[in-house]
Amino acid sequence: MQRFMLKSKIHRAVVTDANLDYEGSIAIDATIMESAGLLPYEQVDIYNISNGSRFQTYVIPGERDSGAICINGAAAHLAKKDDIIIIASYATFEDEVLIEYSPVMVYVDKDNRINKIVSDNLYSTM
């Protein structure tokens, strides 16, 4: 059986810009993006803690080590500068892989600097 599971999460990132007049996407500091295992054009879900909105878009790399988290295009109606968001990616996995699998959780501070990266296997005691 295949299951659709959380692959990675960037927790409590702060939106640094929202650009309505852009084609679309979310630009994420390349260092944060790579730490979360995200590839350019990968689909992500955005959960806006500040206003409750939820939406999907795709990732593009932002300037490395800039702390940039920029919401582009129509999604800029759903998140504004200084909003706090969660960025989540998902993937399909076979059950056999899930015994040793754990998503990557990237925690950032108010300046979008990485505090810690966690990838613990929840089933390690089984």
C-alpha atoms as a PDB file:
ATOM      1  CA  MET A   1       0.000   0.000   0.000  1.00  0.00           C
ATOM      2  CA  GLN A   2       1.108   3.554  -0.620  1.00  0.00           C
ATOM      3  CA  ARG A   3       0.440   6.380   1.822  1.00  0.00           C
ATOM      4  CA  PHE A   4       0.569  10.125   1.281  1.00  0.00           C
ATOM      5  CA  MET A   5       2.734  11.429   4.130  1.00  0.00           C
ATOM      6  CA  LEU A   6       4.374  14.613   5.361  1.00  0.00           C
ATOM      7  CA  LYS A   7       7.825  14.833   3.745  1.00  0.00           C
ATOM      8  CA  SER A   8       9.057  18.077   5.279  1.00  0.00           C
ATOM      9  CA  LYS A   9       7.905  21.164   7.127  1.00  0.00           C
ATOM     10  CA  ILE A  10       9.272  24.649   7.678  1.00  0.00           C
ATOM     11  CA  HIS A  11       7.703  25.734  10.957  1.00  0.00           C
ATOM     12  CA  ARG A  12       6.664  29.305  11.804  1.00  0.00           C
ATOM     13  CA  ALA A  13       8.420  31.079   8.952  1.00  0.00           C
ATOM     14  CA  VAL A  14       7.777  34.819   8.729  1.00  0.00           C
ATOM     15  CA  VAL A  15       6.620  36.192   5.376  1.00  0.00           C
ATOM     16  CA  THR A  16       9.144  38.815   4.295  1.00  0.00           C
ATOM     17  CA  ASP A  17       7.219  40.014   1.219  1.00  0.00           C
ATOM     18  CA  ALA A  18       4.018  39.420  -0.725  1.00  0.00           C
ATOM     19  CA  ASN A  19       4.146  40.303  -4.405  1.00  0.00           C
ATOM     20  CA  LEU A  20       0.771  40.239  -6.174  1.00  0.00           C
ATOM     21  CA  ASP A  21       2.250  41.218  -9.547  1.00  0.00           C
ATOM     22  CA  TYR A  22       4.372  38.093  -9.904  1.00  0.00           C
ATOM     23  CA  GLU A  23       3.547  34.968 -11.879  1.00  0.00           C
ATOM     24  CA  GLY A  24       3.073  32.795  -8.793  1.00  0.00           C
ATOM     25  CA  SER A  25       4.863  30.646  -6.227  1.00  0.00           C
ATOM     26  CA  ILE A  26       6.632  31.045  -2.904  1.00  0.00           C
ATOM     27  CA  ALA A  27      10.281  32.109  -2.916  1.00  0.00           C
ATOM     28  CA  ILE A  28      12.145  30.484  -0.029  1.00  0.00           C
ATOM     29  CA  ASP A  29      15.711  31.253   1.065  1.00  0.00           C
ATOM     30  CA  ALA A  30      17.726  28.571  -0.781  1.00  0.00           C
ATOM     31  CA  THR A  31      19.442  27.425   2.437  1.00  0.00           C
ATOM     32  CA  ILE A  32      16.086  26.835   4.170  1.00  0.00           C
ATOM     33  CA  MET A  33      14.688  25.213   1.050  1.00  0.00           C
ATOM     34  CA  GLU A  34      17.583  22.748   0.812  1.00  0.00           C
ATOM     35  CA  SER A  35      17.429  22.005   4.559  1.00  0.00           C
ATOM     36  CA  ALA A  36      13.792  20.974   4.105  1.00  0.00           C
ATOM     37  CA  GLY A  37      14.651  18.853   1.062  1.00  0.00           C
ATOM     38  CA  LEU A  38      12.569  21.005  -1.283  1.00  0.00           C
ATOM     39  CA  LEU A  39      13.300  21.220  -4.996  1.00  0.00           C
ATOM     40  CA  PRO A  40      12.517  24.115  -7.338  1.00  0.00           C
ATOM     41  CA  TYR A  41       8.914  23.878  -8.597  1.00  0.00           C
ATOM     42  CA  GLU A  42       7.928  21.340  -5.925  1.00  0.00           C
ATOM     43  CA  GLN A  43       4.348  21.692  -4.696  1.00  0.00           C
ATOM     44  CA  VAL A  44       3.863  22.872  -1.118  1.00  0.00           C
ATOM     45  CA  ASP A  45       0.944  23.623   1.148  1.00  0.00           C
ATOM     46  CA  ILE A  46       0.999  26.883   3.069  1.00  0.00           C
ATOM     47  CA  TYR A  47      -0.824  27.193   6.406  1.00  0.00           C
ATOM     48  CA  ASN A  48      -1.116  30.812   7.502  1.00  0.00           C
ATOM     49  CA  ILE A  49      -1.068  30.903  11.298  1.00  0.00           C
ATOM     50  CA  SER A  50      -1.785  34.646  11.317  1.00  0.00           C
ATOM     51  CA  ASN A  51      -5.081  34.552   9.387  1.00  0.00           C
ATOM     52  CA  GLY A  52      -6.056  30.887   9.050  1.00  0.00           C
ATOM     53  CA  SER A  53      -5.838  30.698   5.251  1.00  0.00           C
ATOM     54  CA  ARG A  54      -4.490  27.579   3.575  1.00  0.00           C
ATOM     55  CA  PHE A  55      -3.309  27.274  -0.018  1.00  0.00           C
ATOM     56  CA  GLN A  56      -1.054  25.364  -2.388  1.00  0.00           C
ATOM     57  CA  THR A  57       1.681  26.747  -4.594  1.00  0.00           C
ATOM     58  CA  TYR A  58       5.136  25.777  -5.786  1.00  0.00           C
ATOM     59  CA  VAL A  59       8.616  26.639  -4.549  1.00  0.00           C
ATOM     60  CA  ILE A  60      11.270  28.765  -6.206  1.00  0.00           C
ATOM     61  CA  PRO A  61      14.662  29.451  -4.611  1.00  0.00           C
ATOM     62  CA  GLY A  62      15.148  32.794  -2.923  1.00  0.00           C
ATOM     63  CA  GLU A  63      18.455  34.456  -2.215  1.00  0.00           C
ATOM     64  CA  ARG A  64      20.661  32.158  -0.129  1.00  0.00           C
ATOM     65  CA  ASP A  65      20.960  33.076   3.576  1.00  0.00           C
ATOM     66  CA  SER A  66      18.646  36.071   3.110  1.00  0.00           C
ATOM     67  CA  GLY A  67      15.788  34.736   5.244  1.00  0.00           C
ATOM     68  CA  ALA A  68      13.467  35.436   2.293  1.00  0.00           C
ATOM     69  CA  ILE A  69       9.980  33.960   2.384  1.00  0.00           C
ATOM     70  CA  CYS A  70       8.025  35.729  -0.372  1.00  0.00           C
ATOM     71  CA  ILE A  71       4.463  34.869  -1.374  1.00  0.00           C
ATOM     72  CA  ASN A  72       3.913  35.612  -5.071  1.00  0.00           C
ATOM     73  CA  GLY A  73       0.963  35.962  -7.425  1.00  0.00           C
ATOM     74  CA  ALA A  74      -2.657  35.434  -6.428  1.00  0.00           C
ATOM     75  CA  ALA A  75      -1.580  33.818  -3.143  1.00  0.00           C
ATOM     76  CA  ALA A  76      -0.396  37.273  -2.047  1.00  0.00           C
ATOM     77  CA  HIS A  77      -4.073  37.885  -1.214  1.00  0.00           C
ATOM     78  CA  LEU A  78      -3.793  35.098   1.400  1.00  0.00           C
ATOM     79  CA  ALA A  79      -0.577  36.097   3.157  1.00  0.00           C
ATOM     80  CA  LYS A  80       1.069  39.438   3.811  1.00  0.00           C
ATOM     81  CA  LYS A  81       4.421  40.630   5.103  1.00  0.00           C
ATOM     82  CA  ASP A  82       5.021  39.567   8.734  1.00  0.00           C
ATOM     83  CA  ASP A  83       2.415  36.769   8.672  1.00  0.00           C
ATOM     84  CA  ILE A  84       3.593  33.558  10.328  1.00  0.00           C
ATOM     85  CA  ILE A  85       3.225  30.468   8.147  1.00  0.00           C
ATOM     86  CA  ILE A  86       3.950  26.768   8.013  1.00  0.00           C
ATOM     87  CA  ILE A  87       5.254  25.383   4.710  1.00  0.00           C
ATOM     88  CA  ALA A  88       4.586  21.655   4.246  1.00  0.00           C
ATOM     89  CA  SER A  89       5.506  19.196   1.507  1.00  0.00           C
ATOM     90  CA  TYR A  90       4.089  15.715   1.076  1.00  0.00           C
ATOM     91  CA  ALA A  91       5.096  12.575  -0.811  1.00  0.00           C
ATOM     92  CA  THR A  92       3.847   9.055  -1.414  1.00  0.00           C
ATOM     93  CA  PHE A  93       5.670   6.227   0.371  1.00  0.00           C
ATOM     94  CA  GLU A  94       5.376   2.445   0.449  1.00  0.00           C
ATOM     95  CA  ASP A  95       4.419   1.019   3.866  1.00  0.00           C
ATOM     96  CA  GLU A  96       7.731  -0.848   4.147  1.00  0.00           C
ATOM     97  CA  VAL A  97       9.670   2.412   3.987  1.00  0.00           C
ATOM     98  CA  LEU A  98       7.588   4.069   6.693  1.00  0.00           C
ATOM     99  CA  ILE A  99       8.933   1.845   9.474  1.00  0.00           C
ATOM    100  CA  GLU A 100      12.217   3.761   9.268  1.00  0.00           C
ATOM    101  CA  TYR A 101      10.864   7.001   7.818  1.00  0.00           C
ATOM    102  CA  SER A 102      10.572  10.384   9.464  1.00  0.00           C
ATOM    103  CA  PRO A 103       9.782  13.778   7.909  1.00  0.00           C
ATOM    104  CA  VAL A 104      12.268  16.631   8.126  1.00  0.00           C
ATOM    105  CA  MET A 105      11.129  19.476  10.397  1.00  0.00           C
ATOM    106  CA  VAL A 106      12.955  22.786   9.955  1.00  0.00           C
ATOM    107  CA  TYR A 107      12.390  25.289  12.761  1.00  0.00           C
ATOM    108  CA  VAL A 108      13.207  28.930  12.095  1.00  0.00           C
ATOM    109  CA  ASP A 109      13.328  32.030  14.291  1.00  0.00           C
ATOM    110  CA  LYS A 110      11.598  35.393  13.704  1.00  0.00           C
ATOM    111  CA  ASP A 111      14.299  36.289  11.149  1.00  0.00           C
ATOM    112  CA  ASN A 112      13.884  32.967   9.315  1.00  0.00           C
ATOM    113  CA  ARG A 113      17.248  31.699  10.527  1.00  0.00           C
ATOM    114  CA  ILE A 114      17.339  27.963  11.133  1.00  0.00           C
ATOM    115  CA  ASN A 115      17.146  27.109  14.861  1.00  0.00           C
ATOM    116  CA  LYS A 116      17.092  23.348  14.489  1.00  0.00           C
ATOM    117  CA  ILE A 117      16.361  20.535  12.082  1.00  0.00           C
ATOM    118  CA  VAL A 118      14.614  17.439  13.415  1.00  0.00           C
ATOM    119  CA  SER A 119      13.982  14.115  11.717  1.00  0.00           C
ATOM    120  CA  ASP A 120      13.065  11.596  14.414  1.00  0.00           C
ATOM    121  CA  ASN A 121      11.560   8.222  13.646  1.00  0.00           C
ATOM    122  CA  LEU A 122       8.229   8.129  15.516  1.00  0.00           C
ATOM    123  CA  TYR A 123       8.162   4.319  15.324  1.00  0.00           C
ATOM    124  CA  SER A 124      11.676   3.676  16.611  1.00  0.00           C
ATOM    125  CA  THR A 125      10.324   1.872  19.696  1.00  0.00           C
ATOM    126  CA  MET A 126       8.300  -0.629  17.655  1.00  0.00           C
END
